[in-house]
Amino acid sequence: MTTGARVRGTLGLLGAGVLLVGLTACGSSGSAGSGATSAGSSSAAASSASASASGSASGSASASESARTTRSDLDGKSFVATEVTGSHTIVPDSTITIAFEGGSLSANAGCNTMVGRYTLVGGKLTAPALASTMMACLGDLGDQDTWLAAFLSSGPTYTLDGDTLTLTNGTDTVVFGPAPSGAQALAATGWKVTDVVSITNQANVTSAVDPSLSAWMRFQGEEVAFNNSCNVGGGPVQIGDDTLTFGALRSTLIFCDGASGQLEQTMSTVLQGETTYSITTGGGIKYLRIMSTDGTAGLGLMADDTVGQDAFPSGSAPATSTSG
């Protein structure tokens, strides 16, 4: 799925390289020659110094660009990799995505999803403690998962140019473009909840949902239907390119405890107001990540057309009891 993209790099070291060559040339020039030789050496040194200054200015400009990019510039945005150069090549029929919200990022290379806090310091994107889902990823997708985790933990430098985000660590460069709208993808299938995310200043935890629990979501037009493994409900939702804005959701009122009650509480926490979402595809699997408004809680869902098939009978909104 690789498409044409632009690759940018930091050229700050170029000037230093030119200066080194210039100094070497000066050191090897004979001093016993004519005055012209001395003048030539001075001219070469001046030329090298000028080139060095030019290179340094270029590097400083690039660093300055990164310094001007803040978390607010990335907040609420989702990107998909359009090109990877270096030691890795994007696995065919897979996507590499990264999304930012409320000081947290989520990334997916086609299998597991990594979530955690990040900082932008000194021109580098730092995400030292990413939590990950625990799906077994074999073959090329497993290798791509491992590579992306290592790449993000390496503290790559970043450049944001309009809607193009470029990350590089000196070995690999990843160019990201804006993620396409997922509205059609959301409505194309049901989504089964597979994991929940909790992010605090102390820890990032991703926990698999008990497979015996059946929790899911369905989208149709501007309506959502859900089952949180105990109660069912639904209501209005506005679908943006990377946001889901939930209105007042209706629900049945069965009392839930244990694992079912905990999952119900997490879903209630996440599905409020404006949230962010991303959809990734890899190995024939579609994965949906929804993060809460403040970025501290999230849901992971896998596409499953067998869930919630009767959520919208005759195209209507889900029939549910009212709740507070």
C-alpha atoms as a PDB file:
ATOM      1  CA  MET A   1       0.000   0.000   0.000  1.00  0.00           C
ATOM      2  CA  THR A   2       3.037   2.237  -0.320  1.00  0.00           C
ATOM      3  CA  THR A   3       2.297   5.451  -2.192  1.00  0.00           C
ATOM      4  CA  GLY A   4       4.500   8.280  -3.366  1.00  0.00           C
ATOM      5  CA  ALA A   5       5.781  10.459  -0.546  1.00  0.00           C
ATOM      6  CA  ARG A   6       8.433  12.986   0.282  1.00  0.00           C
ATOM      7  CA  VAL A   7      11.460  12.154   2.417  1.00  0.00           C
ATOM      8  CA  ARG A   8      13.206  14.835   4.420  1.00  0.00           C
ATOM      9  CA  GLY A   9      16.351  14.617   6.538  1.00  0.00           C
ATOM     10  CA  THR A  10      18.375  16.827   8.828  1.00  0.00           C
ATOM     11  CA  LEU A  11      21.461  18.128   7.058  1.00  0.00           C
ATOM     12  CA  GLY A  12      23.236  19.608  10.044  1.00  0.00           C
ATOM     13  CA  LEU A  13      26.204  17.199   9.770  1.00  0.00           C
ATOM     14  CA  LEU A  14      26.842  18.098   6.155  1.00  0.00           C
ATOM     15  CA  GLY A  15      28.478  21.414   7.017  1.00  0.00           C
ATOM     16  CA  ALA A  16      30.770  19.747   9.571  1.00  0.00           C
ATOM     17  CA  GLY A  17      31.880  17.245   6.941  1.00  0.00           C
ATOM     18  CA  VAL A  18      32.767  20.011   4.483  1.00  0.00           C
ATOM     19  CA  LEU A  19      34.700  21.864   7.176  1.00  0.00           C
ATOM     20  CA  LEU A  20      36.729  18.741   7.966  1.00  0.00           C
ATOM     21  CA  VAL A  21      37.705  18.345   4.318  1.00  0.00           C
ATOM     22  CA  GLY A  22      38.716  21.994   4.150  1.00  0.00           C
ATOM     23  CA  LEU A  23      40.929  21.736   7.227  1.00  0.00           C
ATOM     24  CA  THR A  24      42.613  18.618   5.881  1.00  0.00           C
ATOM     25  CA  ALA A  25      43.387  20.387   2.621  1.00  0.00           C
ATOM     26  CA  CYS A  26      44.918  23.301   4.515  1.00  0.00           C
ATOM     27  CA  GLY A  27      47.088  21.010   6.606  1.00  0.00           C
ATOM     28  CA  SER A  28      48.504  19.260   3.542  1.00  0.00           C
ATOM     29  CA  SER A  29      49.304  22.450   1.629  1.00  0.00           C
ATOM     30  CA  GLY A  30      53.025  23.361   1.495  1.00  0.00           C
ATOM     31  CA  SER A  31      54.047  26.510   3.392  1.00  0.00           C
ATOM     32  CA  ALA A  32      57.304  27.023   1.438  1.00  0.00           C
ATOM     33  CA  GLY A  33      55.565  28.008  -1.767  1.00  0.00           C
ATOM     34  CA  SER A  34      54.715  31.475  -3.019  1.00  0.00           C
ATOM     35  CA  GLY A  35      52.409  33.971  -1.373  1.00  0.00           C
ATOM     36  CA  ALA A  36      49.776  32.765  -3.811  1.00  0.00           C
ATOM     37  CA  THR A  37      49.829  29.364  -2.100  1.00  0.00           C
ATOM     38  CA  SER A  38      49.139  30.971   1.256  1.00  0.00           C
ATOM     39  CA  ALA A  39      46.389  33.048  -0.251  1.00  0.00           C
ATOM     40  CA  GLY A  40      44.928  29.955  -1.864  1.00  0.00           C
ATOM     41  CA  SER A  41      44.919  28.158   1.472  1.00  0.00           C
ATOM     42  CA  SER A  42      43.234  31.123   3.104  1.00  0.00           C
ATOM     43  CA  SER A  43      40.665  31.170   0.316  1.00  0.00           C
ATOM     44  CA  ALA A  44      39.987  27.448   0.745  1.00  0.00           C
ATOM     45  CA  ALA A  45      39.610  27.876   4.492  1.00  0.00           C
ATOM     46  CA  ALA A  46      37.242  30.784   3.993  1.00  0.00           C
ATOM     47  CA  SER A  47      35.229  28.748   1.499  1.00  0.00           C
ATOM     48  CA  SER A  48      35.084  25.805   3.907  1.00  0.00           C
ATOM     49  CA  ALA A  49      34.044  28.053   6.770  1.00  0.00           C
ATOM     50  CA  SER A  50      31.311  29.519   4.588  1.00  0.00           C
ATOM     51  CA  ALA A  51      30.074  26.043   3.663  1.00  0.00           C
ATOM     52  CA  SER A  52      30.166  25.031   7.322  1.00  0.00           C
ATOM     53  CA  ALA A  53      28.159  28.075   8.311  1.00  0.00           C
ATOM     54  CA  SER A  54      25.659  27.329   5.573  1.00  0.00           C
ATOM     55  CA  GLY A  55      25.314  23.701   6.690  1.00  0.00           C
ATOM     56  CA  SER A  56      25.013  24.708  10.320  1.00  0.00           C
ATOM     57  CA  ALA A  57      22.340  27.229   9.405  1.00  0.00           C
ATOM     58  CA  SER A  58      20.448  24.499   7.553  1.00  0.00           C
ATOM     59  CA  GLY A  59      20.702  22.170  10.538  1.00  0.00           C
ATOM     60  CA  SER A  60      19.679  24.950  12.902  1.00  0.00           C
ATOM     61  CA  ALA A  61      16.681  25.754  10.712  1.00  0.00           C
ATOM     62  CA  SER A  62      15.612  22.101  10.769  1.00  0.00           C
ATOM     63  CA  ALA A  63      16.050  21.913  14.536  1.00  0.00           C
ATOM     64  CA  SER A  64      14.160  25.179  14.864  1.00  0.00           C
ATOM     65  CA  GLU A  65      11.278  23.726  12.815  1.00  0.00           C
ATOM     66  CA  SER A  66      11.059  20.751  15.189  1.00  0.00           C
ATOM     67  CA  ALA A  67      11.277  23.053  18.192  1.00  0.00           C
ATOM     68  CA  ARG A  68       8.288  25.009  16.903  1.00  0.00           C
ATOM     69  CA  THR A  69       6.192  21.837  16.676  1.00  0.00           C
ATOM     70  CA  THR A  70       4.348  21.225  19.943  1.00  0.00           C
ATOM     71  CA  ARG A  71       2.056  18.487  21.173  1.00  0.00           C
ATOM     72  CA  SER A  72      -0.914  20.701  20.355  1.00  0.00           C
ATOM     73  CA  ASP A  73       0.134  20.540  16.674  1.00  0.00           C
ATOM     74  CA  LEU A  74      -0.167  16.740  16.768  1.00  0.00           C
ATOM     75  CA  ASP A  75      -3.095  16.464  19.175  1.00  0.00           C
ATOM     76  CA  GLY A  76      -6.136  14.800  17.637  1.00  0.00           C
ATOM     77  CA  LYS A  77      -4.319  13.787  14.447  1.00  0.00           C
ATOM     78  CA  SER A  78      -3.911  10.327  12.949  1.00  0.00           C
ATOM     79  CA  PHE A  79      -1.300   9.384  10.363  1.00  0.00           C
ATOM     80  CA  VAL A  80      -0.612   6.391   8.135  1.00  0.00           C
ATOM     81  CA  ALA A  81       2.858   5.488   6.873  1.00  0.00           C
ATOM     82  CA  THR A  82       3.301   6.093   3.151  1.00  0.00           C
ATOM     83  CA  GLU A  83       6.993   5.223   2.934  1.00  0.00           C
ATOM     84  CA  VAL A  84       9.654   3.506   5.032  1.00  0.00           C
ATOM     85  CA  THR A  85      13.321   3.618   4.055  1.00  0.00           C
ATOM     86  CA  GLY A  86      16.320   2.046   5.753  1.00  0.00           C
ATOM     87  CA  SER A  87      16.405  -1.392   7.348  1.00  0.00           C
ATOM     88  CA  HIS A  88      12.676  -2.112   6.998  1.00  0.00           C
ATOM     89  CA  THR A  89      10.071  -2.273   4.240  1.00  0.00           C
ATOM     90  CA  ILE A  90       6.320  -2.065   4.891  1.00  0.00           C
ATOM     91  CA  VAL A  91       4.788  -5.544   4.820  1.00  0.00           C
ATOM     92  CA  PRO A  92       2.460  -5.860   1.790  1.00  0.00           C
ATOM     93  CA  ASP A  93      -1.254  -5.406   2.563  1.00  0.00           C
ATOM     94  CA  SER A  94      -0.511  -3.958   5.995  1.00  0.00           C
ATOM     95  CA  THR A  95      -0.661  -0.467   7.450  1.00  0.00           C
ATOM     96  CA  ILE A  96       1.508   1.356   9.958  1.00  0.00           C
ATOM     97  CA  THR A  97      -0.401   4.046  11.810  1.00  0.00           C
ATOM     98  CA  ILE A  98       0.250   6.519  14.589  1.00  0.00           C
ATOM     99  CA  ALA A  99      -2.269   8.766  16.349  1.00  0.00           C
ATOM    100  CA  PHE A 100      -1.900  11.468  18.996  1.00  0.00           C
ATOM    101  CA  GLU A 101      -4.356  12.574  21.664  1.00  0.00           C
ATOM    102  CA  GLY A 102      -4.045  14.325  25.012  1.00  0.00           C
ATOM    103  CA  GLY A 103      -0.318  13.704  25.434  1.00  0.00           C
ATOM    104  CA  SER A 104      -0.623  10.028  24.463  1.00  0.00           C
ATOM    105  CA  LEU A 105       0.147   8.249  21.228  1.00  0.00           C
ATOM    106  CA  SER A 106      -1.111   4.971  19.827  1.00  0.00           C
ATOM    107  CA  ALA A 107       0.700   3.094  17.090  1.00  0.00           C
ATOM    108  CA  ASN A 108      -0.055  -0.059  15.154  1.00  0.00           C
ATOM    109  CA  ALA A 109       1.989  -2.002  12.621  1.00  0.00           C
ATOM    110  CA  GLY A 110      -0.734  -4.421  11.553  1.00  0.00           C
ATOM    111  CA  CYS A 111      -1.077  -6.608  14.631  1.00  0.00           C
ATOM    112  CA  ASN A 112      -0.613  -5.267  18.157  1.00  0.00           C
ATOM    113  CA  THR A 113      -1.364  -1.706  19.225  1.00  0.00           C
ATOM    114  CA  MET A 114       1.089   0.269  21.362  1.00  0.00           C
ATOM    115  CA  VAL A 115      -0.193   3.077  23.590  1.00  0.00           C
ATOM    116  CA  GLY A 116       1.537   5.453  25.996  1.00  0.00           C
ATOM    117  CA  ARG A 117       2.654   8.954  26.905  1.00  0.00           C
ATOM    118  CA  TYR A 118       5.097  10.847  24.711  1.00  0.00           C
ATOM    119  CA  THR A 119       7.128  14.064  24.817  1.00  0.00           C
ATOM    120  CA  LEU A 120       8.667  16.349  22.199  1.00  0.00           C
ATOM    121  CA  VAL A 121      12.022  17.504  23.565  1.00  0.00           C
ATOM    122  CA  GLY A 122      15.125  18.683  21.724  1.00  0.00           C
ATOM    123  CA  GLY A 123      13.658  17.837  18.338  1.00  0.00           C
ATOM    124  CA  LYS A 124      13.022  14.218  19.349  1.00  0.00           C
ATOM    125  CA  LEU A 125       9.830  12.253  19.925  1.00  0.00           C
ATOM    126  CA  THR A 126      10.294  10.243  23.108  1.00  0.00           C
ATOM    127  CA  ALA A 127       7.905   7.460  24.160  1.00  0.00           C
ATOM    128  CA  PRO A 128       9.809   5.352  26.699  1.00  0.00           C
ATOM    129  CA  ALA A 129       7.001   3.249  28.168  1.00  0.00           C
ATOM    130  CA  LEU A 130       4.538   2.075  25.534  1.00  0.00           C
ATOM    131  CA  ALA A 131       2.068  -0.600  26.586  1.00  0.00           C
ATOM    132  CA  SER A 132       1.091  -3.151  23.956  1.00  0.00           C
ATOM    133  CA  THR A 133      -1.709  -5.576  23.287  1.00  0.00           C
ATOM    134  CA  MET A 134      -0.600  -9.195  23.480  1.00  0.00           C
ATOM    135  CA  MET A 135      -1.874 -10.806  20.286  1.00  0.00           C
ATOM    136  CA  ALA A 136       0.423 -13.437  18.808  1.00  0.00           C
ATOM    137  CA  CYS A 137       1.952 -11.911  15.695  1.00  0.00           C
ATOM    138  CA  LEU A 138       3.801 -14.370  13.487  1.00  0.00           C
ATOM    139  CA  GLY A 139       5.985 -14.012  10.420  1.00  0.00           C
ATOM    140  CA  ASP A 140       6.396 -10.667   8.701  1.00  0.00           C
ATOM    141  CA  LEU A 141       3.755  -8.889  10.800  1.00  0.00           C
ATOM    142  CA  GLY A 142       5.462 -10.039  13.980  1.00  0.00           C
ATOM    143  CA  ASP A 143       8.777  -8.715  12.687  1.00  0.00           C
ATOM    144  CA  GLN A 144       7.120  -5.425  11.729  1.00  0.00           C
ATOM    145  CA  ASP A 145       5.624  -5.152  15.231  1.00  0.00           C
ATOM    146  CA  THR A 146       9.052  -5.640  16.801  1.00  0.00           C
ATOM    147  CA  TRP A 147      10.662  -3.151  14.428  1.00  0.00           C
ATOM    148  CA  LEU A 148       8.071  -0.422  15.095  1.00  0.00           C
ATOM    149  CA  ALA A 149       8.361  -0.827  18.872  1.00  0.00           C
ATOM    150  CA  ALA A 150      12.149  -0.496  18.656  1.00  0.00           C
ATOM    151  CA  PHE A 151      11.908   2.451  16.261  1.00  0.00           C
ATOM    152  CA  LEU A 152       9.562   4.446  18.496  1.00  0.00           C
ATOM    153  CA  SER A 153      11.643   3.702  21.598  1.00  0.00           C
ATOM    154  CA  SER A 154      14.805   4.943  19.841  1.00  0.00           C
ATOM    155  CA  GLY A 155      13.767   8.583  20.224  1.00  0.00           C
ATOM    156  CA  PRO A 156      13.484   9.509  16.528  1.00  0.00           C
ATOM    157  CA  THR A 157      13.727  13.112  15.401  1.00  0.00           C
ATOM    158  CA  TYR A 158      10.557  14.540  13.906  1.00  0.00           C
ATOM    159  CA  THR A 159       9.467  17.052  11.290  1.00  0.00           C
ATOM    160  CA  LEU A 160       5.851  18.133  10.764  1.00  0.00           C
ATOM    161  CA  ASP A 161       5.287  19.804   7.394  1.00  0.00           C
ATOM    162  CA  GLY A 162       1.589  20.470   6.928  1.00  0.00           C
ATOM    163  CA  ASP A 163      -0.052  17.038   7.063  1.00  0.00           C
ATOM    164  CA  THR A 164       3.225  15.150   6.561  1.00  0.00           C
ATOM    165  CA  LEU A 165       5.010  13.788   9.623  1.00  0.00           C
ATOM    166  CA  THR A 166       8.536  12.441   9.167  1.00  0.00           C
ATOM    167  CA  LEU A 167      10.330  10.422  11.853  1.00  0.00           C
ATOM    168  CA  THR A 168      13.951   9.294  11.541  1.00  0.00           C
ATOM    169  CA  ASN A 169      16.507   7.757  13.883  1.00  0.00           C
ATOM    170  CA  GLY A 170      19.494   7.841  11.551  1.00  0.00           C
ATOM    171  CA  THR A 171      18.919   4.265  10.363  1.00  0.00           C
ATOM    172  CA  ASP A 172      15.265   4.270   9.352  1.00  0.00           C
ATOM    173  CA  THR A 173      12.999   7.048   8.111  1.00  0.00           C
ATOM    174  CA  VAL A 174       9.202   6.817   8.172  1.00  0.00           C
ATOM    175  CA  VAL A 175       7.054   9.295   6.260  1.00  0.00           C
ATOM    176  CA  PHE A 176       3.439   9.545   7.447  1.00  0.00           C
ATOM    177  CA  GLY A 177       0.531  11.166   5.648  1.00  0.00           C
ATOM    178  CA  PRO A 178      -2.928  11.962   7.033  1.00  0.00           C
ATOM    179  CA  ALA A 179      -5.037   8.888   7.729  1.00  0.00           C
ATOM    180  CA  PRO A 180      -8.092   8.579   5.454  1.00  0.00           C
ATOM    181  CA  SER A 181     -11.588   8.895   6.866  1.00  0.00           C
ATOM    182  CA  GLY A 182     -12.736   5.760   8.622  1.00  0.00           C
ATOM    183  CA  ALA A 183     -16.489   6.441   8.542  1.00  0.00           C
ATOM    184  CA  GLN A 184     -17.181   3.828   5.875  1.00  0.00           C
ATOM    185  CA  ALA A 185     -14.863   1.318   7.516  1.00  0.00           C
ATOM    186  CA  LEU A 186     -16.657   1.776  10.834  1.00  0.00           C
ATOM    187  CA  ALA A 187     -20.053   1.023   9.309  1.00  0.00           C
ATOM    188  CA  ALA A 188     -18.848  -1.897   7.197  1.00  0.00           C
ATOM    189  CA  THR A 189     -18.693  -4.424  10.036  1.00  0.00           C
ATOM    190  CA  GLY A 190     -19.296  -5.086  13.714  1.00  0.00           C
ATOM    191  CA  TRP A 191     -16.516  -4.492  16.250  1.00  0.00           C
ATOM    192  CA  LYS A 192     -15.806  -6.897  19.109  1.00  0.00           C
ATOM    193  CA  VAL A 193     -14.063  -5.475  22.191  1.00  0.00           C
ATOM    194  CA  THR A 194     -10.780  -7.352  22.716  1.00  0.00           C
ATOM    195  CA  ASP A 195      -8.786  -5.199  25.131  1.00  0.00           C
ATOM    196  CA  VAL A 196      -8.938  -2.147  27.373  1.00  0.00           C
ATOM    197  CA  VAL A 197      -6.286   0.505  27.997  1.00  0.00           C
ATOM    198  CA  SER A 198      -5.497   2.462  31.151  1.00  0.00           C
ATOM    199  CA  ILE A 199      -2.884   5.243  31.058  1.00  0.00           C
ATOM    200  CA  THR A 200      -1.596   7.103  34.110  1.00  0.00           C
ATOM    201  CA  ASN A 201       1.573   9.011  34.936  1.00  0.00           C
ATOM    202  CA  GLN A 202       2.860   5.874  36.647  1.00  0.00           C
ATOM    203  CA  ALA A 203       1.960   3.141  34.163  1.00  0.00           C
ATOM    204  CA  ASN A 204       0.436   2.279  30.810  1.00  0.00           C
ATOM    205  CA  VAL A 205      -1.579  -0.933  31.017  1.00  0.00           C
ATOM    206  CA  THR A 206      -3.292  -2.829  28.202  1.00  0.00           C
ATOM    207  CA  SER A 207      -5.431  -5.751  29.357  1.00  0.00           C
ATOM    208  CA  ALA A 208      -7.084  -8.427  27.247  1.00  0.00           C
ATOM    209  CA  VAL A 209     -10.831  -8.813  27.720  1.00  0.00           C
ATOM    210  CA  ASP A 210     -12.028 -12.160  29.046  1.00  0.00           C
ATOM    211  CA  PRO A 211     -12.939 -14.075  25.857  1.00  0.00           C
ATOM    212  CA  SER A 212     -16.091 -15.382  27.541  1.00  0.00           C
ATOM    213  CA  LEU A 213     -17.485 -11.830  27.580  1.00  0.00           C
ATOM    214  CA  SER A 214     -19.330 -10.582  24.522  1.00  0.00           C
ATOM    215  CA  ALA A 215     -18.961  -6.830  24.108  1.00  0.00           C
ATOM    216  CA  TRP A 216     -19.282  -5.085  20.767  1.00  0.00           C
ATOM    217  CA  MET A 217     -20.170  -1.930  18.853  1.00  0.00           C
ATOM    218  CA  ARG A 218     -21.940  -1.211  15.557  1.00  0.00           C
ATOM    219  CA  PHE A 219     -22.124   2.033  13.593  1.00  0.00           C
ATOM    220  CA  GLN A 220     -24.759   3.141  11.083  1.00  0.00           C
ATOM    221  CA  GLY A 221     -25.062   6.667   9.793  1.00  0.00           C
ATOM    222  CA  GLU A 222     -25.047   8.924  12.845  1.00  0.00           C
ATOM    223  CA  GLU A 223     -26.034   6.171  15.269  1.00  0.00           C
ATOM    224  CA  VAL A 224     -24.055   3.697  17.363  1.00  0.00           C
ATOM    225  CA  ALA A 225     -25.263   0.512  19.043  1.00  0.00           C
ATOM    226  CA  PHE A 226     -23.322  -1.364  21.704  1.00  0.00           C
ATOM    227  CA  ASN A 227     -23.297  -4.313  24.058  1.00  0.00           C
ATOM    228  CA  ASN A 228     -20.978  -3.949  27.053  1.00  0.00           C
ATOM    229  CA  SER A 229     -21.294  -7.650  27.992  1.00  0.00           C
ATOM    230  CA  CYS A 230     -24.179  -6.910  30.357  1.00  0.00           C
ATOM    231  CA  ASN A 231     -26.327  -4.059  29.042  1.00  0.00           C
ATOM    232  CA  VAL A 232     -27.167  -3.029  25.499  1.00  0.00           C
ATOM    233  CA  GLY A 233     -27.723   0.475  24.261  1.00  0.00           C
ATOM    234  CA  GLY A 234     -27.052   3.078  21.657  1.00  0.00           C
ATOM    235  CA  GLY A 235     -27.505   6.659  20.611  1.00  0.00           C
ATOM    236  CA  PRO A 236     -26.143   9.472  18.456  1.00  0.00           C
ATOM    237  CA  VAL A 237     -22.535   9.722  17.289  1.00  0.00           C
ATOM    238  CA  GLN A 238     -20.791  12.147  14.956  1.00  0.00           C
ATOM    239  CA  ILE A 239     -17.998  10.520  12.961  1.00  0.00           C
ATOM    240  CA  GLY A 240     -15.040  12.662  11.946  1.00  0.00           C
ATOM    241  CA  ASP A 241     -11.796  11.798  10.197  1.00  0.00           C
ATOM    242  CA  ASP A 242     -10.247  10.751  13.503  1.00  0.00           C
ATOM    243  CA  THR A 243     -12.864  11.611  16.126  1.00  0.00           C
ATOM    244  CA  LEU A 244     -16.060  10.043  17.423  1.00  0.00           C
ATOM    245  CA  THR A 245     -18.321  12.433  19.314  1.00  0.00           C
ATOM    246  CA  PHE A 246     -20.937  10.587  21.340  1.00  0.00           C
ATOM    247  CA  GLY A 247     -24.205  12.189  22.385  1.00  0.00           C
ATOM    248  CA  ALA A 248     -26.487  10.994  25.195  1.00  0.00           C
ATOM    249  CA  LEU A 249     -26.408   7.191  24.974  1.00  0.00           C
ATOM    250  CA  ARG A 250     -29.370   5.039  26.031  1.00  0.00           C
ATOM    251  CA  SER A 251     -28.895   1.744  27.852  1.00  0.00           C
ATOM    252  CA  THR A 252     -30.728  -1.068  29.581  1.00  0.00           C
ATOM    253  CA  LEU A 253     -30.341  -1.095  33.368  1.00  0.00           C
ATOM    254  CA  ILE A 254     -29.239  -4.591  34.370  1.00  0.00           C
ATOM    255  CA  PHE A 255     -26.872  -4.641  37.367  1.00  0.00           C
ATOM    256  CA  CYS A 256     -23.421  -5.892  36.386  1.00  0.00           C
ATOM    257  CA  ASP A 257     -20.597  -7.013  38.666  1.00  0.00           C
ATOM    258  CA  GLY A 258     -17.281  -8.817  38.333  1.00  0.00           C
ATOM    259  CA  ALA A 259     -15.436  -8.706  35.017  1.00  0.00           C
ATOM    260  CA  SER A 260     -18.627  -7.794  33.174  1.00  0.00           C
ATOM    261  CA  GLY A 261     -19.237  -4.841  35.470  1.00  0.00           C
ATOM    262  CA  GLN A 262     -15.652  -3.623  35.086  1.00  0.00           C
ATOM    263  CA  LEU A 263     -15.903  -3.775  31.307  1.00  0.00           C
ATOM    264  CA  GLU A 264     -19.220  -1.915  31.408  1.00  0.00           C
ATOM    265  CA  GLN A 265     -17.603   0.841  33.484  1.00  0.00           C
ATOM    266  CA  THR A 266     -14.657   1.165  31.084  1.00  0.00           C
ATOM    267  CA  MET A 267     -16.913   1.381  28.052  1.00  0.00           C
ATOM    268  CA  SER A 268     -19.069   3.995  29.796  1.00  0.00           C
ATOM    269  CA  THR A 269     -15.941   6.021  30.591  1.00  0.00           C
ATOM    270  CA  VAL A 270     -14.587   5.907  27.045  1.00  0.00           C
ATOM    271  CA  LEU A 271     -17.822   6.444  25.101  1.00  0.00           C
ATOM    272  CA  GLN A 272     -18.458   9.998  26.282  1.00  0.00           C
ATOM    273  CA  GLY A 273     -18.163  13.246  24.368  1.00  0.00           C
ATOM    274  CA  GLU A 274     -15.402  13.649  21.798  1.00  0.00           C
ATOM    275  CA  THR A 275     -13.008  10.710  21.528  1.00  0.00           C
ATOM    276  CA  THR A 276     -10.290   9.807  19.044  1.00  0.00           C
ATOM    277  CA  TYR A 277     -10.112   6.645  16.982  1.00  0.00           C
ATOM    278  CA  SER A 278      -7.865   4.894  14.490  1.00  0.00           C
ATOM    279  CA  ILE A 279      -8.368   1.848  12.279  1.00  0.00           C
ATOM    280  CA  THR A 280      -5.466  -0.349  11.212  1.00  0.00           C
ATOM    281  CA  THR A 281      -5.311  -3.358   8.919  1.00  0.00           C
ATOM    282  CA  GLY A 282      -2.825  -6.194   8.822  1.00  0.00           C
ATOM    283  CA  GLY A 283      -2.850  -9.897   8.079  1.00  0.00           C
ATOM    284  CA  GLY A 284      -6.507  -9.730   7.125  1.00  0.00           C
ATOM    285  CA  ILE A 285      -7.402  -8.248  10.537  1.00  0.00           C
ATOM    286  CA  LYS A 286      -8.971  -4.831  11.090  1.00  0.00           C
ATOM    287  CA  TYR A 287      -8.374  -3.235  14.469  1.00  0.00           C
ATOM    288  CA  LEU A 288     -10.189  -0.225  15.938  1.00  0.00           C
ATOM    289  CA  ARG A 289      -8.773   1.826  18.799  1.00  0.00           C
ATOM    290  CA  ILE A 290     -10.967   4.377  20.630  1.00  0.00           C
ATOM    291  CA  MET A 291      -9.374   6.657  23.242  1.00  0.00           C
ATOM    292  CA  SER A 292     -11.254   8.746  25.801  1.00  0.00           C
ATOM    293  CA  THR A 293     -11.352  12.538  25.717  1.00  0.00           C
ATOM    294  CA  ASP A 294      -8.492  12.887  28.208  1.00  0.00           C
ATOM    295  CA  GLY A 295      -6.426  10.062  26.703  1.00  0.00           C
ATOM    296  CA  THR A 296      -6.347   8.006  29.916  1.00  0.00           C
ATOM    297  CA  ALA A 297      -8.672   5.150  28.904  1.00  0.00           C
ATOM    298  CA  GLY A 298      -9.276   3.266  25.699  1.00  0.00           C
ATOM    299  CA  LEU A 299     -10.910   0.331  23.967  1.00  0.00           C
ATOM    300  CA  GLY A 300      -9.439  -2.045  21.411  1.00  0.00           C
ATOM    301  CA  LEU A 301     -11.873  -3.746  19.039  1.00  0.00           C
ATOM    302  CA  MET A 302     -11.437  -6.225  16.200  1.00  0.00           C
ATOM    303  CA  ALA A 303     -13.675  -6.338  13.150  1.00  0.00           C
ATOM    304  CA  ASP A 304     -16.206  -9.165  13.495  1.00  0.00           C
ATOM    305  CA  ASP A 305     -19.215  -9.143  11.201  1.00  0.00           C
ATOM    306  CA  THR A 306     -21.024 -11.718  13.342  1.00  0.00           C
ATOM    307  CA  VAL A 307     -21.559  -9.361  16.292  1.00  0.00           C
ATOM    308  CA  GLY A 308     -24.494  -6.986  16.543  1.00  0.00           C
ATOM    309  CA  GLN A 309     -26.018  -8.018  13.234  1.00  0.00           C
ATOM    310  CA  ASP A 310     -29.532  -7.168  14.444  1.00  0.00           C
ATOM    311  CA  ALA A 311     -28.512  -3.897  16.120  1.00  0.00           C
ATOM    312  CA  PHE A 312     -30.290  -1.775  13.521  1.00  0.00           C
ATOM    313  CA  PRO A 313     -33.446  -3.612  12.417  1.00  0.00           C
ATOM    314  CA  SER A 314     -34.841  -2.118   9.220  1.00  0.00           C
ATOM    315  CA  GLY A 315     -32.244   0.623   9.384  1.00  0.00           C
ATOM    316  CA  SER A 316     -33.606   2.044  12.639  1.00  0.00           C
ATOM    317  CA  ALA A 317     -31.729   3.088  15.740  1.00  0.00           C
ATOM    318  CA  PRO A 318     -31.230   0.433  18.436  1.00  0.00           C
ATOM    319  CA  ALA A 319     -34.322  -0.166  20.567  1.00  0.00           C
ATOM    320  CA  THR A 320     -33.257   0.175  24.202  1.00  0.00           C
ATOM    321  CA  SER A 321     -34.624   1.193  27.551  1.00  0.00           C
ATOM    322  CA  THR A 322     -33.673   4.607  28.834  1.00  0.00           C
ATOM    323  CA  SER A 323     -30.991   5.192  31.419  1.00  0.00           C
ATOM    324  CA  GLY A 324     -29.558   8.084  33.288  1.00  0.00           C
END
